[in-house]
Amino acid sequence: EFSVFNPLAFRCRFYTKDGLCGLQMQKGESYIPGIC
């Protein structure tokens, strides 16, 4: 019943090398999933 971000090598696809969320860096905290 749910949608997920399918991980790549056990990591979120938006996880950066700096250990940050690329999605949040690009669009802001309000844009990332509620659970995040």
ModelCIF file with pLDDT and N, C-alpha, C, O atoms, coordinates in Angstrom:
data_MODEL
#
_entry.id   MODEL 
#
_entity.id                         1 
_entity.type                       polymer 
_entity.pdbx_number_of_molecules   1 
#
_entity_poly.entity_id                      1 
_entity_poly.type                           'polypeptide(L)' 
_entity_poly.nstd_linkage                   no 
_entity_poly.nstd_monomer                   no 
_entity_poly.pdbx_seq_one_letter_code       EFSVFNPLAFRCRFYTKDGLCGLQMQKGESYIPGIC 
_entity_poly.pdbx_seq_one_letter_code_can   EFSVFNPLAFRCRFYTKDGLCGLQMQKGESYIPGIC 
_entity_poly.pdbx_strand_id                 A 
#
loop_
_entity_poly_seq.entity_id 
_entity_poly_seq.num 
_entity_poly_seq.mon_id 
_entity_poly_seq.hetero 
1 1  GLU n 
1 2  PHE n 
1 3  SER n 
1 4  VAL n 
1 5  PHE n 
1 6  ASN n 
1 7  PRO n 
1 8  LEU n 
1 9  ALA n 
1 10 PHE n 
1 11 ARG n 
1 12 CYS n 
1 13 ARG n 
1 14 PHE n 
1 15 TYR n 
1 16 THR n 
1 17 LYS n 
1 18 ASP n 
1 19 GLY n 
1 20 LEU n 
1 21 CYS n 
1 22 GLY n 
1 23 LEU n 
1 24 GLN n 
1 25 MET n 
1 26 GLN n 
1 27 LYS n 
1 28 GLY n 
1 29 GLU n 
1 30 SER n 
1 31 TYR n 
1 32 ILE n 
1 33 PRO n 
1 34 GLY n 
1 35 ILE n 
1 36 CYS n 
#
_struct_asym.id          A 
_struct_asym.entity_id   1 
#
loop_
_ma_qa_metric.id 
_ma_qa_metric.mode 
_ma_qa_metric.name 
_ma_qa_metric.software_group_id 
_ma_qa_metric.type 
1 global pLDDT . pLDDT 
2 local  pLDDT . pLDDT 
#
_ma_qa_metric_global.metric_id      1 
_ma_qa_metric_global.metric_value   88.08 
_ma_qa_metric_global.model_id       1 
_ma_qa_metric_global.ordinal_id     1 
#
loop_
_ma_qa_metric_local.label_asym_id 
_ma_qa_metric_local.label_comp_id 
_ma_qa_metric_local.label_seq_id 
_ma_qa_metric_local.metric_id 
_ma_qa_metric_local.metric_value 
_ma_qa_metric_local.model_id 
_ma_qa_metric_local.ordinal_id 
A GLU 1  2 81.00 1 1  
A PHE 2  2 84.00 1 2  
A SER 3  2 90.00 1 3  
A VAL 4  2 89.00 1 4  
A PHE 5  2 88.00 1 5  
A ASN 6  2 83.00 1 6  
A PRO 7  2 82.00 1 7  
A LEU 8  2 81.00 1 8  
A ALA 9  2 77.00 1 9  
A PHE 10 2 82.00 1 10 
A ARG 11 2 84.00 1 11 
A CYS 12 2 87.00 1 12 
A ARG 13 2 87.00 1 13 
A PHE 14 2 90.00 1 14 
A TYR 15 2 89.00 1 15 
A THR 16 2 89.00 1 16 
A LYS 17 2 86.00 1 17 
A ASP 18 2 86.00 1 18 
A GLY 19 2 86.00 1 19 
A LEU 20 2 88.00 1 20 
A CYS 21 2 90.00 1 21 
A GLY 22 2 90.00 1 22 
A LEU 23 2 91.00 1 23 
A GLN 24 2 92.00 1 24 
A MET 25 2 92.00 1 25 
A GLN 26 2 92.00 1 26 
A LYS 27 2 92.00 1 27 
A GLY 28 2 92.00 1 28 
A GLU 29 2 91.00 1 29 
A SER 30 2 92.00 1 30 
A TYR 31 2 93.00 1 31 
A ILE 32 2 92.00 1 32 
A PRO 33 2 92.00 1 33 
A GLY 34 2 90.00 1 34 
A ILE 35 2 90.00 1 35 
A CYS 36 2 91.00 1 36 
#
loop_
_atom_site.group_PDB 
_atom_site.id 
_atom_site.type_symbol 
_atom_site.label_atom_id 
_atom_site.label_alt_id 
_atom_site.label_comp_id 
_atom_site.label_asym_id 
_atom_site.label_entity_id 
_atom_site.label_seq_id 
_atom_site.pdbx_PDB_ins_code 
_atom_site.Cartn_x 
_atom_site.Cartn_y 
_atom_site.Cartn_z 
_atom_site.occupancy 
_atom_site.B_iso_or_equiv 
_atom_site.pdbx_formal_charge 
_atom_site.auth_seq_id 
_atom_site.auth_comp_id 
_atom_site.auth_asym_id 
_atom_site.auth_atom_id 
_atom_site.pdbx_PDB_model_num 
ATOM 1   N N  . GLU A 1 1  ? 0.814  -1.216 0.000  1.00 81.00 ? 1  GLU A N  1 
ATOM 2   C CA . GLU A 1 1  ? 0.000  0.000  0.000  1.00 81.00 ? 1  GLU A CA 1 
ATOM 3   C C  . GLU A 1 1  ? 0.847  1.265  0.000  1.00 81.00 ? 1  GLU A C  1 
ATOM 4   O O  . GLU A 1 1  ? 0.315  2.367  -0.131 1.00 81.00 ? 1  GLU A O  1 
ATOM 5   N N  . PHE A 1 2  ? 2.166  1.114  0.146  1.00 84.00 ? 2  PHE A N  1 
ATOM 6   C CA . PHE A 1 2  ? 3.018  2.279  0.338  1.00 84.00 ? 2  PHE A CA 1 
ATOM 7   C C  . PHE A 1 2  ? 4.007  2.449  -0.806 1.00 84.00 ? 2  PHE A C  1 
ATOM 8   O O  . PHE A 1 2  ? 4.330  1.504  -1.526 1.00 84.00 ? 2  PHE A O  1 
ATOM 9   N N  . SER A 1 3  ? 4.476  3.681  -0.950 1.00 90.00 ? 3  SER A N  1 
ATOM 10  C CA . SER A 1 3  ? 5.562  3.984  -1.868 1.00 90.00 ? 3  SER A CA 1 
ATOM 11  C C  . SER A 1 3  ? 6.834  4.231  -1.062 1.00 90.00 ? 3  SER A C  1 
ATOM 12  O O  . SER A 1 3  ? 6.787  4.751  0.053  1.00 90.00 ? 3  SER A O  1 
ATOM 13  N N  . VAL A 1 4  ? 7.963  3.852  -1.640 1.00 89.00 ? 4  VAL A N  1 
ATOM 14  C CA . VAL A 1 4  ? 9.247  4.035  -0.959 1.00 89.00 ? 4  VAL A CA 1 
ATOM 15  C C  . VAL A 1 4  ? 10.261 4.564  -1.967 1.00 89.00 ? 4  VAL A C  1 
ATOM 16  O O  . VAL A 1 4  ? 10.072 4.455  -3.179 1.00 89.00 ? 4  VAL A O  1 
ATOM 17  N N  . PHE A 1 5  ? 11.338 5.140  -1.441 1.00 88.00 ? 5  PHE A N  1 
ATOM 18  C CA . PHE A 1 5  ? 12.496 5.404  -2.272 1.00 88.00 ? 5  PHE A CA 1 
ATOM 19  C C  . PHE A 1 5  ? 13.306 4.113  -2.314 1.00 88.00 ? 5  PHE A C  1 
ATOM 20  O O  . PHE A 1 5  ? 13.868 3.691  -1.303 1.00 88.00 ? 5  PHE A O  1 
ATOM 21  N N  . ASN A 1 6  ? 13.363 3.496  -3.476 1.00 83.00 ? 6  ASN A N  1 
ATOM 22  C CA . ASN A 1 6  ? 14.091 2.249  -3.618 1.00 83.00 ? 6  ASN A CA 1 
ATOM 23  C C  . ASN A 1 6  ? 15.587 2.535  -3.450 1.00 83.00 ? 6  ASN A C  1 
ATOM 24  O O  . ASN A 1 6  ? 16.151 3.294  -4.238 1.00 83.00 ? 6  ASN A O  1 
ATOM 25  N N  . PRO A 1 7  ? 16.240 1.948  -2.444 1.00 82.00 ? 7  PRO A N  1 
ATOM 26  C CA . PRO A 1 7  ? 17.639 2.302  -2.166 1.00 82.00 ? 7  PRO A CA 1 
ATOM 27  C C  . PRO A 1 7  ? 18.587 1.794  -3.242 1.00 82.00 ? 7  PRO A C  1 
ATOM 28  O O  . PRO A 1 7  ? 18.291 0.824  -3.941 1.00 82.00 ? 7  PRO A O  1 
ATOM 29  N N  . LEU A 1 8  ? 19.712 2.451  -3.365 1.00 81.00 ? 8  LEU A N  1 
ATOM 30  C CA . LEU A 1 8  ? 20.776 2.052  -4.262 1.00 81.00 ? 8  LEU A CA 1 
ATOM 31  C C  . LEU A 1 8  ? 21.983 1.729  -3.398 1.00 81.00 ? 8  LEU A C  1 
ATOM 32  O O  . LEU A 1 8  ? 22.522 2.612  -2.731 1.00 81.00 ? 8  LEU A O  1 
ATOM 33  N N  . ALA A 1 9  ? 22.417 0.465  -3.404 1.00 77.00 ? 9  ALA A N  1 
ATOM 34  C CA . ALA A 1 9  ? 23.509 0.009  -2.534 1.00 77.00 ? 9  ALA A CA 1 
ATOM 35  C C  . ALA A 1 9  ? 23.177 0.312  -1.072 1.00 77.00 ? 9  ALA A C  1 
ATOM 36  O O  . ALA A 1 9  ? 24.029 0.757  -0.303 1.00 77.00 ? 9  ALA A O  1 
ATOM 37  N N  . PHE A 1 10 ? 21.914 0.058  -0.710 1.00 82.00 ? 10 PHE A N  1 
ATOM 38  C CA . PHE A 1 10 ? 21.429 0.210  0.661  1.00 82.00 ? 10 PHE A CA 1 
ATOM 39  C C  . PHE A 1 10 ? 21.426 1.663  1.140  1.00 82.00 ? 10 PHE A C  1 
ATOM 40  O O  . PHE A 1 10 ? 21.382 1.922  2.343  1.00 82.00 ? 10 PHE A O  1 
ATOM 41  N N  . ARG A 1 11 ? 21.473 2.593  0.213  1.00 84.00 ? 11 ARG A N  1 
ATOM 42  C CA . ARG A 1 11 ? 21.411 4.009  0.580  1.00 84.00 ? 11 ARG A CA 1 
ATOM 43  C C  . ARG A 1 11 ? 20.314 4.692  -0.228 1.00 84.00 ? 11 ARG A C  1 
ATOM 44  O O  . ARG A 1 11 ? 20.022 4.311  -1.362 1.00 84.00 ? 11 ARG A O  1 
ATOM 45  N N  . CYS A 1 12 ? 19.716 5.708  0.385  1.00 87.00 ? 12 CYS A N  1 
ATOM 46  C CA . CYS A 1 12 ? 18.754 6.521  -0.344 1.00 87.00 ? 12 CYS A CA 1 
ATOM 47  C C  . CYS A 1 12 ? 19.453 7.124  -1.558 1.00 87.00 ? 12 CYS A C  1 
ATOM 48  O O  . CYS A 1 12 ? 20.606 7.546  -1.478 1.00 87.00 ? 12 CYS A O  1 
ATOM 49  N N  . ARG A 1 13 ? 18.743 7.159  -2.677 1.00 87.00 ? 13 ARG A N  1 
ATOM 50  C CA . ARG A 1 13 ? 19.334 7.658  -3.916 1.00 87.00 ? 13 ARG A CA 1 
ATOM 51  C C  . ARG A 1 13 ? 19.697 9.138  -3.853 1.00 87.00 ? 13 ARG A C  1 
ATOM 52  O O  . ARG A 1 13 ? 20.412 9.645  -4.717 1.00 87.00 ? 13 ARG A O  1 
ATOM 53  N N  . PHE A 1 14 ? 19.200 9.830  -2.826 1.00 90.00 ? 14 PHE A N  1 
ATOM 54  C CA . PHE A 1 14 ? 19.503 11.266 -2.700 1.00 90.00 ? 14 PHE A CA 1 
ATOM 55  C C  . PHE A 1 14 ? 20.557 11.527 -1.622 1.00 90.00 ? 14 PHE A C  1 
ATOM 56  O O  . PHE A 1 14 ? 20.831 12.680 -1.286 1.00 90.00 ? 14 PHE A O  1 
ATOM 57  N N  . TYR A 1 15 ? 21.140 10.470 -1.088 1.00 89.00 ? 15 TYR A N  1 
ATOM 58  C CA . TYR A 1 15 ? 22.190 10.582 -0.073 1.00 89.00 ? 15 TYR A CA 1 
ATOM 59  C C  . TYR A 1 15 ? 23.502 10.968 -0.756 1.00 89.00 ? 15 TYR A C  1 
ATOM 60  O O  . TYR A 1 15 ? 23.956 10.269 -1.662 1.00 89.00 ? 15 TYR A O  1 
ATOM 61  N N  . THR A 1 16 ? 24.113 12.071 -0.330 1.00 89.00 ? 16 THR A N  1 
ATOM 62  C CA . THR A 1 16 ? 25.326 12.567 -0.986 1.00 89.00 ? 16 THR A CA 1 
ATOM 63  C C  . THR A 1 16 ? 26.588 12.027 -0.323 1.00 89.00 ? 16 THR A C  1 
ATOM 64  O O  . THR A 1 16 ? 26.536 11.444 0.761  1.00 89.00 ? 16 THR A O  1 
ATOM 65  N N  . LYS A 1 17 ? 27.705 12.226 -0.980 1.00 86.00 ? 17 LYS A N  1 
ATOM 66  C CA . LYS A 1 17 ? 28.996 11.794 -0.434 1.00 86.00 ? 17 LYS A CA 1 
ATOM 67  C C  . LYS A 1 17 ? 29.339 12.526 0.860  1.00 86.00 ? 17 LYS A C  1 
ATOM 68  O O  . LYS A 1 17 ? 30.120 12.027 1.671  1.00 86.00 ? 17 LYS A O  1 
ATOM 69  N N  . ASP A 1 18 ? 28.763 13.695 1.051  1.00 86.00 ? 18 ASP A N  1 
ATOM 70  C CA . ASP A 1 18 ? 29.008 14.473 2.270  1.00 86.00 ? 18 ASP A CA 1 
ATOM 71  C C  . ASP A 1 18 ? 28.106 14.045 3.423  1.00 86.00 ? 18 ASP A C  1 
ATOM 72  O O  . ASP A 1 18 ? 28.152 14.629 4.506  1.00 86.00 ? 18 ASP A O  1 
ATOM 73  N N  . GLY A 1 19 ? 27.285 13.022 3.183  1.00 86.00 ? 19 GLY A N  1 
ATOM 74  C CA . GLY A 1 19 ? 26.399 12.547 4.241  1.00 86.00 ? 19 GLY A CA 1 
ATOM 75  C C  . GLY A 1 19 ? 25.166 13.422 4.412  1.00 86.00 ? 19 GLY A C  1 
ATOM 76  O O  . GLY A 1 19 ? 24.552 13.438 5.479  1.00 86.00 ? 19 GLY A O  1 
ATOM 77  N N  . LEU A 1 20 ? 24.810 14.141 3.372  1.00 88.00 ? 20 LEU A N  1 
ATOM 78  C CA . LEU A 1 20 ? 23.656 15.041 3.438  1.00 88.00 ? 20 LEU A CA 1 
ATOM 79  C C  . LEU A 1 20 ? 22.576 14.587 2.457  1.00 88.00 ? 20 LEU A C  1 
ATOM 80  O O  . LEU A 1 20 ? 22.809 13.718 1.617  1.00 88.00 ? 20 LEU A O  1 
ATOM 81  N N  . CYS A 1 21 ? 21.397 15.187 2.577  1.00 90.00 ? 21 CYS A N  1 
ATOM 82  C CA . CYS A 1 21 ? 20.286 14.868 1.690  1.00 90.00 ? 21 CYS A CA 1 
ATOM 83  C C  . CYS A 1 21 ? 20.317 15.807 0.489  1.00 90.00 ? 21 CYS A C  1 
ATOM 84  O O  . CYS A 1 21 ? 20.122 17.015 0.625  1.00 90.00 ? 21 CYS A O  1 
ATOM 85  N N  . GLY A 1 22 ? 20.565 15.239 -0.686 1.00 90.00 ? 22 GLY A N  1 
ATOM 86  C CA . GLY A 1 22 ? 20.611 16.061 -1.888 1.00 90.00 ? 22 GLY A CA 1 
ATOM 87  C C  . GLY A 1 22 ? 19.278 16.688 -2.210 1.00 90.00 ? 22 GLY A C  1 
ATOM 88  O O  . GLY A 1 22 ? 19.224 17.798 -2.738 1.00 90.00 ? 22 GLY A O  1 
ATOM 89  N N  . LEU A 1 23 ? 18.201 15.992 -1.898 1.00 91.00 ? 23 LEU A N  1 
ATOM 90  C CA . LEU A 1 23 ? 16.862 16.521 -2.158 1.00 91.00 ? 23 LEU A CA 1 
ATOM 91  C C  . LEU A 1 23 ? 16.583 17.740 -1.288 1.00 91.00 ? 23 LEU A C  1 
ATOM 92  O O  . LEU A 1 23 ? 16.018 18.729 -1.756 1.00 91.00 ? 23 LEU A O  1 
ATOM 93  N N  . GLN A 1 24 ? 16.979 17.667 -0.026 1.00 92.00 ? 24 GLN A N  1 
ATOM 94  C CA . GLN A 1 24 ? 16.786 18.800 0.878  1.00 92.00 ? 24 GLN A CA 1 
ATOM 95  C C  . GLN A 1 24 ? 17.681 19.972 0.484  1.00 92.00 ? 24 GLN A C  1 
ATOM 96  O O  . GLN A 1 24 ? 17.264 21.128 0.559  1.00 92.00 ? 24 GLN A O  1 
ATOM 97  N N  . MET A 1 25 ? 18.906 19.673 0.067  1.00 92.00 ? 25 MET A N  1 
ATOM 98  C CA . MET A 1 25 ? 19.825 20.738 -0.336 1.00 92.00 ? 25 MET A CA 1 
ATOM 99  C C  . MET A 1 25 ? 19.288 21.492 -1.547 1.00 92.00 ? 25 MET A C  1 
ATOM 100 O O  . MET A 1 25 ? 19.505 22.698 -1.673 1.00 92.00 ? 25 MET A O  1 
ATOM 101 N N  . GLN A 1 26 ? 18.589 20.791 -2.436 1.00 92.00 ? 26 GLN A N  1 
ATOM 102 C CA . GLN A 1 26 ? 18.099 21.407 -3.674 1.00 92.00 ? 26 GLN A CA 1 
ATOM 103 C C  . GLN A 1 26 ? 16.755 22.103 -3.493 1.00 92.00 ? 26 GLN A C  1 
ATOM 104 O O  . GLN A 1 26 ? 16.507 23.151 -4.090 1.00 92.00 ? 26 GLN A O  1 
ATOM 105 N N  . LYS A 1 27 ? 15.871 21.506 -2.649 1.00 92.00 ? 27 LYS A N  1 
ATOM 106 C CA . LYS A 1 27 ? 14.490 22.003 -2.575 1.00 92.00 ? 27 LYS A CA 1 
ATOM 107 C C  . LYS A 1 27 ? 14.063 22.465 -1.175 1.00 92.00 ? 27 LYS A C  1 
ATOM 108 O O  . LYS A 1 27 ? 12.991 23.053 -1.033 1.00 92.00 ? 27 LYS A O  1 
ATOM 109 N N  . GLY A 1 28 ? 14.865 22.216 -0.152 1.00 92.00 ? 28 GLY A N  1 
ATOM 110 C CA . GLY A 1 28 ? 14.495 22.641 1.191  1.00 92.00 ? 28 GLY A CA 1 
ATOM 111 C C  . GLY A 1 28 ? 13.880 21.514 2.020  1.00 92.00 ? 28 GLY A C  1 
ATOM 112 O O  . GLY A 1 28 ? 13.424 20.508 1.477  1.00 92.00 ? 28 GLY A O  1 
ATOM 113 N N  . GLU A 1 29 ? 13.873 21.694 3.326  1.00 91.00 ? 29 GLU A N  1 
ATOM 114 C CA . GLU A 1 29 ? 13.407 20.645 4.227  1.00 91.00 ? 29 GLU A CA 1 
ATOM 115 C C  . GLU A 1 29 ? 11.936 20.302 4.014  1.00 91.00 ? 29 GLU A C  1 
ATOM 116 O O  . GLU A 1 29 ? 11.550 19.140 4.146  1.00 91.00 ? 29 GLU A O  1 
ATOM 117 N N  . SER A 1 30 ? 11.115 21.288 3.688  1.00 92.00 ? 30 SER A N  1 
ATOM 118 C CA . SER A 1 30 ? 9.679  21.040 3.542  1.00 92.00 ? 30 SER A CA 1 
ATOM 119 C C  . SER A 1 30 ? 9.363  20.127 2.362  1.00 92.00 ? 30 SER A C  1 
ATOM 120 O O  . SER A 1 30 ? 8.242  19.631 2.245  1.00 92.00 ? 30 SER A O  1 
ATOM 121 N N  . TYR A 1 31 ? 10.351 19.901 1.482  1.00 93.00 ? 31 TYR A N  1 
ATOM 122 C CA . TYR A 1 31 ? 10.108 19.122 0.270  1.00 93.00 ? 31 TYR A CA 1 
ATOM 123 C C  . TYR A 1 31 ? 10.354 17.625 0.483  1.00 93.00 ? 31 TYR A C  1 
ATOM 124 O O  . TYR A 1 31 ? 9.807  16.803 -0.253 1.00 93.00 ? 31 TYR A O  1 
ATOM 125 N N  . ILE A 1 32 ? 11.151 17.268 1.458  1.00 92.00 ? 32 ILE A N  1 
ATOM 126 C CA . ILE A 1 32 ? 11.504 15.859 1.656  1.00 92.00 ? 32 ILE A CA 1 
ATOM 127 C C  . ILE A 1 32 ? 10.336 15.111 2.305  1.00 92.00 ? 32 ILE A C  1 
ATOM 128 O O  . ILE A 1 32 ? 9.453  15.744 2.884  1.00 92.00 ? 32 ILE A O  1 
ATOM 129 N N  . PRO A 1 33 ? 10.316 13.772 2.221  1.00 92.00 ? 33 PRO A N  1 
ATOM 130 C CA . PRO A 1 33 ? 9.202  13.014 2.804  1.00 92.00 ? 33 PRO A CA 1 
ATOM 131 C C  . PRO A 1 33 ? 8.984  13.324 4.281  1.00 92.00 ? 33 PRO A C  1 
ATOM 132 O O  . PRO A 1 33 ? 9.917  13.675 5.003  1.00 92.00 ? 33 PRO A O  1 
ATOM 133 N N  . GLY A 1 34 ? 7.723  13.186 4.716  1.00 90.00 ? 34 GLY A N  1 
ATOM 134 C CA . GLY A 1 34 ? 7.387  13.501 6.104  1.00 90.00 ? 34 GLY A CA 1 
ATOM 135 C C  . GLY A 1 34 ? 8.197  12.716 7.103  1.00 90.00 ? 34 GLY A C  1 
ATOM 136 O O  . GLY A 1 34 ? 8.587  13.261 8.136  1.00 90.00 ? 34 GLY A O  1 
ATOM 137 N N  . ILE A 1 35 ? 8.467  11.437 6.829  1.00 90.00 ? 35 ILE A N  1 
ATOM 138 C CA . ILE A 1 35 ? 9.225  10.619 7.768  1.00 90.00 ? 35 ILE A CA 1 
ATOM 139 C C  . ILE A 1 35 ? 10.635 11.160 7.931  1.00 90.00 ? 35 ILE A C  1 
ATOM 140 O O  . ILE A 1 35 ? 11.203 11.086 9.021  1.00 90.00 ? 35 ILE A O  1 
ATOM 141 N N  . CYS A 1 36 ? 11.205 11.701 6.865  1.00 91.00 ? 36 CYS A N  1 
ATOM 142 C CA . CYS A 1 36 ? 12.555 12.267 6.936  1.00 91.00 ? 36 CYS A CA 1 
ATOM 143 C C  . CYS A 1 36 ? 12.567 13.550 7.760  1.00 91.00 ? 36 CYS A C  1 
ATOM 144 O O  . CYS A 1 36 ? 13.620 14.165 7.928  1.00 91.00 ? 36 CYS A O  1 
#
